Amino acid sequence: MRIYLNEQALDIKDGETLFSLRDRSKPDADILIRNGFPCDRDEPLQPDDRVVLIRRGETPSADELEALLMARHTPGVHARIKQSCVGIAGVGGLGSAVAIALARVGVGRLILADFDIVEPSNLNRQQYFVDQLGFPKVTALAENLRRINPYVEIEARHIRLTADNTATIFADVQVLVEAFDRPDQKAMLLESFRLHCPGRPVVAASGLAGFGPANTVLTRRAGRDFYLVGDGDSAAGPGEGLMAPRVGVAAHHQANAVLRLLLGEDPTGVTSCN
């Protein structure tokens, strides 16, 4: 009978149980997952069962971690995205959350670019910690990402993006995430990247301030190879600040749009991008 142990095919005897498999394969495992669900009692194994054995606190090898990532993904997804390269321009509230989402799904390489440092006012919505105050954002974020998934390749560029260096820094990316605050920075980035890297998609965001309904944040096609996330209206200003919930909604729209583009799908769900 064939099952899958930590995503590797394994032939076992009929009638073998979950606990007997643990005892001979990984006796120190204290978390047993069968077909996606934790198990705390012995059960007979069935053909094609997927079993994951984990010892708390143990860091898996690169191969083991990859197998475990694959176990939680839709079949065929991980093998495609681990070969991909994504650029993130600006790693504040949007960019830092996008980076974490993409690291968790196993995107192979992330290129992060930002000139700013972590400040106290960032902590209400950005993916940093109090003990990282004063650090360059890209340095702090790279540290956090490596704690989440040490097998993602991270290129952290502590630099101000300009019309002259944008194309060079993001030359290898398949998709670029725009996560700037100021309209003039957004325009510069889009113009430079689209001029030097035609045909490569950009996922941008605008209209996500305040605490309005999350359902008004949408992903739209705003031009050829250009996707815009937001409600198209709410801008940060007096009495309407940037807050973690709505910024997070928009960031995960962006991350999901990137994932769909890497898989050849239209982020809006309208047509295929193949």
Protein backbone atom coordinates (compact mmCIF):
# COMPACT_ATOMS: atom_id res chain seq x y z
CA MET A 1 0.00 0.00 0.00
CA ARG A 2 1.35 3.41 -0.94
CA ILE A 3 1.08 6.49 1.26
CA TYR A 4 3.00 9.78 1.37
CA LEU A 5 5.19 10.58 4.37
CA ASN A 6 6.28 14.22 4.47
CA GLU A 7 5.27 14.29 0.79
CA GLN A 8 7.58 11.42 -0.17
CA ALA A 9 5.98 8.25 -1.57
CA LEU A 10 6.31 5.29 0.80
CA ASP A 11 5.14 1.69 0.47
CA ILE A 12 3.86 0.20 3.74
CA LYS A 13 2.15 -3.01 4.80
CA ASP A 14 -1.62 -3.22 4.82
CA GLY A 15 -2.96 -2.61 8.31
CA GLU A 16 -0.15 -0.32 9.46
CA THR A 17 -1.34 2.44 11.77
CA LEU A 18 -0.39 6.07 12.22
CA PHE A 19 1.40 5.42 15.51
CA SER A 20 3.36 2.43 14.20
CA LEU A 21 4.49 4.55 11.24
CA ARG A 22 5.63 7.25 13.65
CA ASP A 23 7.44 4.76 15.88
CA ARG A 24 9.56 3.38 13.07
CA SER A 25 9.99 6.57 11.01
CA LYS A 26 10.27 9.44 13.48
CA PRO A 27 9.71 8.25 17.07
CA ASP A 28 10.37 11.70 18.57
CA ALA A 29 7.58 13.32 16.52
CA ASP A 30 4.99 14.97 18.76
CA ILE A 31 2.77 16.45 16.03
CA LEU A 32 1.09 14.03 13.63
CA ILE A 33 -0.82 15.39 10.65
CA ARG A 34 -2.94 13.07 8.53
CA ASN A 35 -4.49 14.45 5.35
CA GLY A 36 -4.17 18.00 6.63
CA PHE A 37 -5.60 17.42 10.12
CA PRO A 38 -3.78 16.95 13.46
CA CYS A 39 -4.30 13.51 14.98
CA ASP A 40 -3.97 12.55 18.66
CA ARG A 41 -5.19 8.93 18.39
CA ASP A 42 -3.98 5.90 16.52
CA GLU A 43 -5.77 5.13 13.26
CA PRO A 44 -5.30 2.59 10.44
CA LEU A 45 -3.69 4.14 7.39
CA GLN A 46 -5.39 4.06 4.01
CA PRO A 47 -3.98 4.13 0.47
CA ASP A 48 -2.78 7.60 -0.63
CA ASP A 49 -2.93 9.02 2.90
CA ARG A 50 -0.64 12.00 3.38
CA VAL A 51 1.12 11.97 6.73
CA VAL A 52 3.40 14.66 8.16
CA LEU A 53 5.48 13.92 11.27
CA ILE A 54 6.89 16.93 13.14
CA ARG A 55 8.97 17.34 16.27
CA ARG A 56 8.22 20.66 17.99
CA GLY A 57 11.08 23.13 17.74
CA GLU A 58 12.92 21.22 15.03
CA THR A 59 14.03 23.18 11.98
CA PRO A 60 13.44 21.11 8.84
CA SER A 61 16.05 20.81 6.13
CA ALA A 62 15.54 22.70 2.89
CA ASP A 63 14.17 19.57 1.18
CA GLU A 64 11.83 18.81 4.09
CA LEU A 65 10.54 22.38 4.25
CA GLU A 66 9.90 22.40 0.52
CA ALA A 67 7.96 19.16 0.84
CA LEU A 68 5.87 20.59 3.67
CA LEU A 69 5.14 23.75 1.69
CA MET A 70 4.04 21.63 -1.24
CA ALA A 71 1.78 19.65 1.06
CA ARG A 72 -0.32 22.71 1.86
CA HIS A 73 -0.44 24.12 -1.68
CA THR A 74 -2.66 23.27 -4.59
CA PRO A 75 -0.88 20.51 -6.56
CA GLY A 76 1.58 21.93 -9.09
CA VAL A 77 1.78 25.39 -7.53
CA HIS A 78 4.99 25.20 -5.54
CA ALA A 79 7.11 23.76 -8.35
CA ARG A 80 6.24 26.82 -10.47
CA ILE A 81 6.52 29.61 -7.95
CA LYS A 82 9.82 28.48 -6.42
CA GLN A 83 11.46 29.39 -9.77
CA SER A 84 10.02 32.90 -9.75
CA CYS A 85 11.47 36.31 -8.92
CA VAL A 86 9.31 39.19 -7.64
CA GLY A 87 10.32 42.80 -6.98
CA ILE A 88 8.81 44.94 -4.24
CA ALA A 89 9.31 48.70 -4.48
CA GLY A 90 8.72 50.12 -1.01
CA VAL A 91 8.47 47.93 2.08
CA GLY A 92 6.14 49.89 4.33
CA GLY A 93 2.61 48.83 5.23
CA LEU A 94 1.86 47.30 1.84
CA GLY A 95 5.27 46.05 0.76
CA SER A 96 6.25 44.41 4.04
CA ALA A 97 2.96 42.47 4.19
CA VAL A 98 3.20 41.47 0.51
CA ALA A 99 6.74 40.20 1.08
CA ILE A 100 5.68 38.06 4.04
CA ALA A 101 2.77 36.54 2.11
CA LEU A 102 5.02 35.69 -0.85
CA ALA A 103 7.71 34.22 1.39
CA ARG A 104 5.12 32.02 3.04
CA VAL A 105 3.96 30.61 -0.30
CA GLY A 106 7.58 29.94 -1.29
CA VAL A 107 8.36 32.44 -4.04
CA GLY A 108 11.96 31.64 -4.92
CA ARG A 109 13.52 35.11 -4.94
CA LEU A 110 12.41 38.48 -3.61
CA ILE A 111 14.11 41.77 -4.48
CA LEU A 112 13.26 44.44 -1.87
CA ALA A 113 14.08 48.11 -2.38
CA ASP A 114 13.48 51.01 0.05
CA PHE A 115 15.61 53.84 1.46
CA ASP A 116 13.67 54.33 4.71
CA ILE A 117 14.27 53.20 8.29
CA VAL A 118 11.83 51.68 10.80
CA GLU A 119 10.16 54.42 12.89
CA PRO A 120 7.70 54.17 15.81
CA SER A 121 4.83 55.44 13.65
CA ASN A 122 5.33 52.49 11.30
CA LEU A 123 4.45 49.89 13.91
CA ASN A 124 0.69 50.43 13.68
CA ARG A 125 0.54 48.68 10.31
CA GLN A 126 3.97 47.57 9.08
CA GLN A 127 5.56 44.16 9.63
CA TYR A 128 8.33 45.21 12.02
CA PHE A 129 9.07 44.99 15.74
CA VAL A 130 9.98 47.48 18.45
CA ASP A 131 13.54 46.15 18.68
CA GLN A 132 14.01 46.94 14.97
CA LEU A 133 13.46 50.70 15.35
CA GLY A 134 16.19 52.60 13.55
CA PHE A 135 17.12 49.71 11.26
CA PRO A 136 16.82 50.09 7.48
CA LYS A 137 13.45 48.63 6.58
CA VAL A 138 14.87 46.28 3.98
CA THR A 139 17.39 44.92 6.49
CA ALA A 140 14.75 44.38 9.16
CA LEU A 141 12.31 42.82 6.71
CA ALA A 142 14.94 40.48 5.29
CA GLU A 143 15.65 39.29 8.84
CA ASN A 144 11.95 38.66 9.46
CA LEU A 145 11.49 36.84 6.16
CA ARG A 146 14.43 34.54 6.85
CA ARG A 147 12.83 33.59 10.15
CA ILE A 148 9.63 32.68 8.28
CA ASN A 149 11.22 30.86 5.34
CA PRO A 150 15.03 30.67 5.36
CA TYR A 151 15.07 29.09 1.91
CA VAL A 152 13.71 32.09 0.00
CA GLU A 153 16.51 34.07 -1.65
CA ILE A 154 16.27 37.71 -0.56
CA GLU A 155 18.05 40.66 -2.14
CA ALA A 156 17.66 43.70 0.13
CA ARG A 157 18.56 47.05 -1.47
CA HIS A 158 18.72 50.00 0.95
CA ILE A 159 18.44 52.61 -1.77
CA ARG A 160 16.18 55.37 -3.04
CA LEU A 161 14.62 54.23 -6.29
CA THR A 162 14.97 56.68 -9.16
CA ALA A 163 14.23 56.74 -12.87
CA ASP A 164 17.89 55.86 -13.45
CA ASN A 165 18.22 52.79 -11.21
CA THR A 166 14.77 51.20 -11.14
CA ALA A 167 15.21 49.09 -14.27
CA THR A 168 18.64 47.86 -13.16
CA ILE A 169 17.53 46.87 -9.66
CA PHE A 170 14.45 45.03 -10.91
CA ALA A 171 15.95 43.68 -14.13
CA ASP A 172 15.33 40.03 -13.18
CA VAL A 173 11.79 40.24 -11.82
CA GLN A 174 8.79 38.63 -13.45
CA VAL A 175 6.32 40.82 -11.57
CA LEU A 176 6.86 44.17 -9.82
CA VAL A 177 4.87 45.28 -6.78
CA GLU A 178 4.45 49.04 -6.40
CA ALA A 179 4.06 49.92 -2.72
CA PHE A 180 4.95 53.61 -2.50
CA ASP A 181 3.07 56.34 -0.64
CA ARG A 182 3.53 59.41 -2.84
CA PRO A 183 1.87 59.81 -6.26
CA ASP A 184 5.02 61.23 -7.85
CA GLN A 185 7.04 58.18 -6.72
CA LYS A 186 4.37 55.86 -8.08
CA ALA A 187 4.39 57.63 -11.45
CA MET A 188 8.19 57.58 -11.67
CA LEU A 189 8.36 53.87 -10.88
CA LEU A 190 5.69 52.89 -13.37
CA GLU A 191 7.11 55.02 -16.17
CA SER A 192 10.67 53.78 -15.69
CA PHE A 193 9.82 50.11 -15.28
CA ARG A 194 7.37 49.95 -18.15
CA LEU A 195 9.83 51.78 -20.42
CA HIS A 196 12.75 49.43 -19.73
CA CYS A 197 10.86 46.20 -18.94
CA PRO A 198 7.89 46.20 -21.33
CA GLY A 199 5.40 43.38 -21.02
CA ARG A 200 6.20 42.60 -17.40
CA PRO A 201 3.24 43.19 -15.10
CA VAL A 202 3.05 45.72 -12.26
CA VAL A 203 0.68 45.33 -9.30
CA ALA A 204 0.03 48.70 -7.65
CA ALA A 205 -2.26 49.99 -4.90
CA SER A 206 -4.21 53.17 -4.22
CA GLY A 207 -7.26 53.92 -2.07
CA LEU A 208 -6.97 51.99 1.18
CA ALA A 209 -6.96 54.54 4.00
CA GLY A 210 -9.22 54.55 7.02
CA PHE A 211 -11.51 51.83 8.30
CA GLY A 212 -14.10 51.63 5.58
CA PRO A 213 -15.58 48.29 4.47
CA ALA A 214 -12.97 45.78 3.40
CA ASN A 215 -15.22 44.64 0.57
CA THR A 216 -14.66 47.91 -1.28
CA VAL A 217 -10.99 47.02 -1.80
CA LEU A 218 -10.82 45.39 -5.23
CA THR A 219 -8.25 44.28 -7.79
CA ARG A 220 -8.77 45.91 -11.19
CA ARG A 221 -6.98 45.83 -14.52
CA ALA A 222 -6.01 49.48 -15.03
CA GLY A 223 -4.04 49.07 -18.24
CA ARG A 224 -1.99 46.61 -20.22
CA ASP A 225 0.06 44.56 -17.73
CA PHE A 226 -1.02 46.94 -14.96
CA TYR A 227 -3.24 45.95 -12.03
CA LEU A 228 -4.49 48.33 -9.36
CA VAL A 229 -5.69 47.36 -5.88
CA GLY A 230 -7.86 49.60 -3.69
CA ASP A 231 -11.21 51.33 -3.58
CA GLY A 232 -10.10 54.08 -5.95
CA ASP A 233 -11.13 56.79 -3.51
CA SER A 234 -9.94 56.78 0.11
CA ALA A 235 -6.65 58.64 0.46
CA ALA A 236 -4.71 59.14 3.67
CA GLY A 237 -5.19 62.58 5.18
CA PRO A 238 -6.30 64.42 8.31
CA GLY A 239 -8.88 62.31 10.11
CA GLU A 240 -8.30 59.32 7.82
CA GLY A 241 -5.05 57.52 8.53
CA LEU A 242 -3.54 54.27 7.37
CA MET A 243 -4.55 51.38 9.62
CA ALA A 244 -3.42 47.77 9.73
CA PRO A 245 -6.69 45.97 8.79
CA ARG A 246 -7.42 47.77 5.53
CA VAL A 247 -3.77 48.08 4.55
CA GLY A 248 -3.46 44.34 5.16
CA VAL A 249 -6.49 43.60 2.98
CA ALA A 250 -4.95 45.58 0.12
CA ALA A 251 -1.52 44.01 0.59
CA HIS A 252 -2.94 40.52 0.39
CA HIS A 253 -4.90 41.48 -2.72
CA GLN A 254 -1.56 42.48 -4.20
CA ALA A 255 0.15 39.28 -3.08
CA ASN A 256 -2.66 37.16 -4.51
CA ALA A 257 -2.51 39.09 -7.78
CA VAL A 258 1.23 38.36 -7.97
CA LEU A 259 0.63 34.67 -7.29
CA ARG A 260 -2.02 34.45 -9.99
CA LEU A 261 0.23 36.20 -12.49
CA LEU A 262 3.09 33.79 -11.76
CA LEU A 263 0.67 30.93 -12.41
CA GLY A 264 -0.54 32.43 -15.68
CA GLU A 265 -3.91 33.56 -14.37
CA ASP A 266 -5.64 36.93 -14.62
CA PRO A 267 -5.66 38.56 -11.14
CA THR A 268 -9.19 39.84 -11.76
CA GLY A 269 -10.48 36.38 -12.65
CA VAL A 270 -11.79 37.56 -16.01
CA THR A 271 -9.44 35.92 -18.51
CA SER A 272 -6.37 33.68 -18.59
CA CYS A 273 -2.97 35.36 -18.85
CA ASN A 274 -1.34 32.36 -20.57
